[in-house]
Amino acid sequence: MKTSPATAKVLESRNQYRPCHIRVPDLEHRLSAIAVEGQYYSFFKVVKDRAQALEVAARLSRRGDQTVITSSVKGDVVWVLELDAELDFRHL
């Protein structure tokens, strides 16, 4: 796992995270997420390339959010740490 200058973790391999769904206290619906080292990150945005992903992560970092970046066939995905998240077991 690499850490970028924007303080985002960049996960290079799918072995480093597990896709899941989570629930957070302030929303009624579940969120797409990934589990990384015992913490949950909710889906934030897909962008065209790594430079854009790092830019988005830097903006989120400035407002106090921790982020993770993964790659997909559609581009790079930015995920945001959800400290109060609980795993949604209903759809496992």
N, C-alpha and C. Protein backbone atom coordinates (compact mmCIF):
# COMPACT_ATOMS: atom_id res chain seq x y z
N MET A 1 0.84 -1.17 0.00
CA MET A 1 0.00 0.00 0.00
C MET A 1 0.89 1.23 0.00
N LYS A 2 0.69 2.11 -0.97
CA LYS A 2 1.46 3.35 -1.06
C LYS A 2 0.67 4.49 -0.45
N THR A 3 1.37 5.49 0.08
CA THR A 3 0.73 6.71 0.54
C THR A 3 1.19 7.84 -0.36
N SER A 4 0.24 8.59 -0.88
CA SER A 4 0.55 9.68 -1.81
C SER A 4 0.81 10.96 -1.04
N PRO A 5 1.31 11.99 -1.73
CA PRO A 5 1.50 13.28 -1.07
C PRO A 5 0.19 13.85 -0.52
N ALA A 6 -0.94 13.45 -1.09
CA ALA A 6 -2.24 13.93 -0.62
C ALA A 6 -2.71 13.14 0.59
N THR A 7 -1.86 12.28 1.11
CA THR A 7 -2.13 11.41 2.25
C THR A 7 -3.18 10.34 1.97
N ALA A 8 -3.50 10.12 0.72
CA ALA A 8 -4.42 9.04 0.36
C ALA A 8 -3.64 7.74 0.28
N LYS A 9 -4.23 6.68 0.77
CA LYS A 9 -3.64 5.36 0.57
C LYS A 9 -4.01 4.92 -0.84
N VAL A 10 -3.04 4.44 -1.59
CA VAL A 10 -3.28 3.92 -2.93
C VAL A 10 -3.13 2.41 -2.86
N LEU A 11 -4.23 1.70 -3.07
CA LEU A 11 -4.22 0.25 -3.01
C LEU A 11 -4.03 -0.29 -4.42
N GLU A 12 -2.92 -0.96 -4.64
CA GLU A 12 -2.56 -1.43 -5.98
C GLU A 12 -3.18 -2.79 -6.31
N SER A 13 -3.58 -3.55 -5.31
CA SER A 13 -4.08 -4.90 -5.53
C SER A 13 -5.43 -5.11 -4.84
N ARG A 14 -6.30 -5.86 -5.49
CA ARG A 14 -7.60 -6.19 -4.88
C ARG A 14 -7.42 -7.03 -3.63
N ASN A 15 -6.28 -7.65 -3.46
CA ASN A 15 -6.03 -8.43 -2.25
C ASN A 15 -5.90 -7.54 -1.02
N GLN A 16 -5.76 -6.24 -1.21
CA GLN A 16 -5.58 -5.30 -0.10
C GLN A 16 -6.90 -4.79 0.47
N TYR A 17 -8.02 -5.11 -0.16
CA TYR A 17 -9.32 -4.65 0.33
C TYR A 17 -10.41 -5.66 -0.03
N ARG A 18 -11.56 -5.49 0.64
CA ARG A 18 -12.71 -6.37 0.38
C ARG A 18 -13.93 -5.50 0.11
N PRO A 19 -14.58 -5.67 -1.05
CA PRO A 19 -15.80 -4.92 -1.33
C PRO A 19 -16.91 -5.34 -0.35
N CYS A 20 -17.76 -4.39 0.03
CA CYS A 20 -18.85 -4.68 0.96
C CYS A 20 -19.87 -3.56 0.88
N HIS A 21 -20.89 -3.65 1.72
CA HIS A 21 -21.86 -2.56 1.90
C HIS A 21 -21.88 -2.22 3.38
N ILE A 22 -22.06 -0.94 3.66
CA ILE A 22 -22.07 -0.48 5.05
C ILE A 22 -23.30 0.38 5.30
N ARG A 23 -23.54 0.60 6.58
CA ARG A 23 -24.57 1.56 7.01
C ARG A 23 -23.90 2.56 7.93
N VAL A 24 -24.32 3.82 7.81
CA VAL A 24 -23.82 4.88 8.68
C VAL A 24 -25.02 5.51 9.40
N PRO A 25 -24.81 6.04 10.61
CA PRO A 25 -25.93 6.53 11.42
C PRO A 25 -26.80 7.60 10.76
N ASP A 26 -26.23 8.47 9.94
CA ASP A 26 -27.01 9.58 9.40
C ASP A 26 -27.72 9.30 8.07
N LEU A 27 -27.65 8.06 7.58
CA LEU A 27 -28.32 7.69 6.33
C LEU A 27 -29.15 6.43 6.53
N GLU A 28 -30.30 6.38 5.85
CA GLU A 28 -31.16 5.19 5.95
C GLU A 28 -30.74 4.10 4.98
N HIS A 29 -30.13 4.46 3.87
CA HIS A 29 -29.76 3.46 2.87
C HIS A 29 -28.31 3.00 3.07
N ARG A 30 -28.03 1.84 2.53
CA ARG A 30 -26.67 1.30 2.63
C ARG A 30 -25.77 1.97 1.60
N LEU A 31 -24.48 1.90 1.85
CA LEU A 31 -23.49 2.50 0.96
C LEU A 31 -22.54 1.43 0.42
N SER A 32 -22.13 1.57 -0.82
CA SER A 32 -21.07 0.73 -1.35
C SER A 32 -19.79 1.12 -0.64
N ALA A 33 -18.99 0.12 -0.31
CA ALA A 33 -17.79 0.40 0.48
C ALA A 33 -16.73 -0.65 0.23
N ILE A 34 -15.57 -0.40 0.82
CA ILE A 34 -14.52 -1.40 0.89
C ILE A 34 -14.03 -1.48 2.33
N ALA A 35 -13.60 -2.66 2.71
CA ALA A 35 -13.00 -2.87 4.03
C ALA A 35 -11.49 -2.95 3.84
N VAL A 36 -10.77 -2.13 4.62
CA VAL A 36 -9.32 -2.07 4.55
C VAL A 36 -8.77 -2.07 5.97
N GLU A 37 -8.03 -3.10 6.31
CA GLU A 37 -7.37 -3.17 7.61
C GLU A 37 -8.34 -2.87 8.76
N GLY A 38 -9.53 -3.46 8.70
CA GLY A 38 -10.50 -3.32 9.78
C GLY A 38 -11.29 -2.03 9.78
N GLN A 39 -11.13 -1.20 8.74
CA GLN A 39 -11.89 0.05 8.65
C GLN A 39 -12.70 0.05 7.35
N TYR A 40 -13.79 0.83 7.35
CA TYR A 40 -14.67 0.89 6.19
C TYR A 40 -14.56 2.25 5.51
N TYR A 41 -14.47 2.20 4.19
CA TYR A 41 -14.40 3.39 3.35
C TYR A 41 -15.57 3.37 2.38
N SER A 42 -16.38 4.42 2.36
CA SER A 42 -17.52 4.48 1.45
C SER A 42 -17.09 5.03 0.09
N PHE A 43 -17.83 4.59 -0.94
CA PHE A 43 -17.58 5.07 -2.30
C PHE A 43 -17.82 6.58 -2.35
N PHE A 44 -16.89 7.31 -2.96
CA PHE A 44 -17.06 8.75 -3.13
C PHE A 44 -17.19 9.12 -4.61
N LYS A 45 -16.22 8.69 -5.43
CA LYS A 45 -16.23 9.15 -6.81
C LYS A 45 -15.29 8.31 -7.67
N VAL A 46 -15.66 8.13 -8.95
CA VAL A 46 -14.77 7.54 -9.96
C VAL A 46 -14.26 8.70 -10.82
N VAL A 47 -12.96 8.72 -11.05
CA VAL A 47 -12.37 9.76 -11.89
C VAL A 47 -11.53 9.10 -12.99
N LYS A 48 -11.18 9.90 -13.98
CA LYS A 48 -10.52 9.37 -15.18
C LYS A 48 -9.14 8.77 -14.93
N ASP A 49 -8.35 9.42 -14.07
CA ASP A 49 -6.97 8.95 -13.91
C ASP A 49 -6.45 9.22 -12.50
N ARG A 50 -5.24 8.76 -12.24
CA ARG A 50 -4.64 8.86 -10.91
C ARG A 50 -4.44 10.31 -10.49
N ALA A 51 -4.05 11.18 -11.42
CA ALA A 51 -3.83 12.59 -11.08
C ALA A 51 -5.12 13.22 -10.55
N GLN A 52 -6.24 12.94 -11.20
CA GLN A 52 -7.52 13.46 -10.73
C GLN A 52 -7.88 12.87 -9.37
N ALA A 53 -7.63 11.58 -9.21
CA ALA A 53 -7.93 10.92 -7.93
C ALA A 53 -7.14 11.55 -6.80
N LEU A 54 -5.87 11.83 -7.04
CA LEU A 54 -5.04 12.46 -6.02
C LEU A 54 -5.51 13.88 -5.71
N GLU A 55 -5.99 14.57 -6.73
CA GLU A 55 -6.52 15.92 -6.53
C GLU A 55 -7.78 15.89 -5.65
N VAL A 56 -8.68 14.96 -5.96
CA VAL A 56 -9.90 14.81 -5.15
C VAL A 56 -9.53 14.43 -3.72
N ALA A 57 -8.61 13.48 -3.57
CA ALA A 57 -8.18 13.05 -2.24
C ALA A 57 -7.56 14.20 -1.45
N ALA A 58 -6.80 15.05 -2.13
CA ALA A 58 -6.19 16.20 -1.46
C ALA A 58 -7.25 17.17 -0.96
N ARG A 59 -8.27 17.41 -1.78
CA ARG A 59 -9.37 18.30 -1.34
C ARG A 59 -10.08 17.71 -0.13
N LEU A 60 -10.36 16.42 -0.17
CA LEU A 60 -11.02 15.77 0.96
C LEU A 60 -10.15 15.80 2.20
N SER A 61 -8.85 15.61 2.02
CA SER A 61 -7.91 15.64 3.14
C SER A 61 -7.90 17.01 3.80
N ARG A 62 -7.98 18.05 3.01
CA ARG A 62 -7.98 19.41 3.56
C ARG A 62 -9.21 19.67 4.43
N ARG A 63 -10.30 18.95 4.16
CA ARG A 63 -11.49 19.13 5.00
C ARG A 63 -11.55 18.08 6.13
N GLY A 64 -10.47 17.30 6.26
CA GLY A 64 -10.36 16.38 7.39
C GLY A 64 -10.69 14.93 7.11
N ASP A 65 -10.98 14.58 5.87
CA ASP A 65 -11.32 13.20 5.54
C ASP A 65 -10.08 12.39 5.21
N GLN A 66 -10.12 11.10 5.56
CA GLN A 66 -9.08 10.16 5.15
C GLN A 66 -9.60 9.39 3.95
N THR A 67 -8.73 9.15 2.98
CA THR A 67 -9.17 8.52 1.74
C THR A 67 -8.30 7.34 1.34
N VAL A 68 -8.88 6.53 0.47
CA VAL A 68 -8.18 5.41 -0.16
C VAL A 68 -8.51 5.51 -1.65
N ILE A 69 -7.54 5.15 -2.48
CA ILE A 69 -7.74 5.14 -3.93
C ILE A 69 -7.51 3.73 -4.44
N THR A 70 -8.45 3.25 -5.28
CA THR A 70 -8.29 1.96 -5.94
C THR A 70 -8.46 2.17 -7.45
N SER A 71 -8.10 1.16 -8.22
CA SER A 71 -8.27 1.21 -9.67
C SER A 71 -9.43 0.34 -10.08
N SER A 72 -10.13 0.76 -11.14
CA SER A 72 -11.19 -0.06 -11.72
C SER A 72 -11.13 0.10 -13.23
N VAL A 73 -11.94 -0.65 -13.95
CA VAL A 73 -11.95 -0.54 -15.40
C VAL A 73 -12.45 0.83 -15.86
N LYS A 74 -13.21 1.51 -15.02
CA LYS A 74 -13.75 2.83 -15.37
C LYS A 74 -12.83 3.98 -14.98
N GLY A 75 -11.77 3.70 -14.24
CA GLY A 75 -10.85 4.74 -13.79
C GLY A 75 -10.44 4.50 -12.36
N ASP A 76 -9.95 5.53 -11.71
CA ASP A 76 -9.57 5.42 -10.30
C ASP A 76 -10.76 5.77 -9.42
N VAL A 77 -10.88 5.05 -8.31
CA VAL A 77 -12.01 5.23 -7.40
C VAL A 77 -11.50 5.83 -6.09
N VAL A 78 -12.18 6.86 -5.63
CA VAL A 78 -11.84 7.50 -4.36
C VAL A 78 -12.87 7.05 -3.33
N TRP A 79 -12.38 6.59 -2.19
CA TRP A 79 -13.20 6.11 -1.08
C TRP A 79 -12.89 6.95 0.16
N VAL A 80 -13.89 7.18 1.02
CA VAL A 80 -13.73 8.03 2.20
C VAL A 80 -13.98 7.21 3.47
N LEU A 81 -13.09 7.35 4.44
CA LEU A 81 -13.20 6.63 5.71
C LEU A 81 -14.50 7.00 6.42
N GLU A 82 -15.21 5.97 6.89
CA GLU A 82 -16.45 6.13 7.65
C GLU A 82 -16.22 5.53 9.03
N LEU A 83 -15.88 6.36 10.00
CA LEU A 83 -15.54 5.88 11.34
C LEU A 83 -16.72 5.22 12.06
N ASP A 84 -17.94 5.68 11.78
CA ASP A 84 -19.12 5.16 12.47
C ASP A 84 -19.85 4.08 11.68
N ALA A 85 -19.21 3.54 10.66
CA ALA A 85 -19.86 2.56 9.78
C ALA A 85 -20.00 1.20 10.45
N GLU A 86 -21.06 0.52 10.04
CA GLU A 86 -21.27 -0.88 10.42
C GLU A 86 -21.50 -1.67 9.15
N LEU A 87 -20.95 -2.87 9.12
CA LEU A 87 -21.12 -3.74 7.97
C LEU A 87 -22.59 -4.10 7.81
N ASP A 88 -23.09 -4.05 6.59
CA ASP A 88 -24.47 -4.44 6.29
C ASP A 88 -24.46 -5.92 5.94
N PHE A 89 -24.88 -6.76 6.88
CA PHE A 89 -24.83 -8.21 6.70
C PHE A 89 -25.97 -8.74 5.84
N ARG A 90 -26.99 -7.96 5.60
CA ARG A 90 -28.17 -8.47 4.89
C ARG A 90 -27.89 -8.86 3.45
N HIS A 91 -26.82 -8.37 2.88
CA HIS A 91 -26.56 -8.64 1.47
C HIS A 91 -25.23 -9.34 1.24
N LEU A 92 -24.78 -10.10 2.22
CA LEU A 92 -23.52 -10.84 2.06
C LEU A 92 -23.76 -12.15 1.39
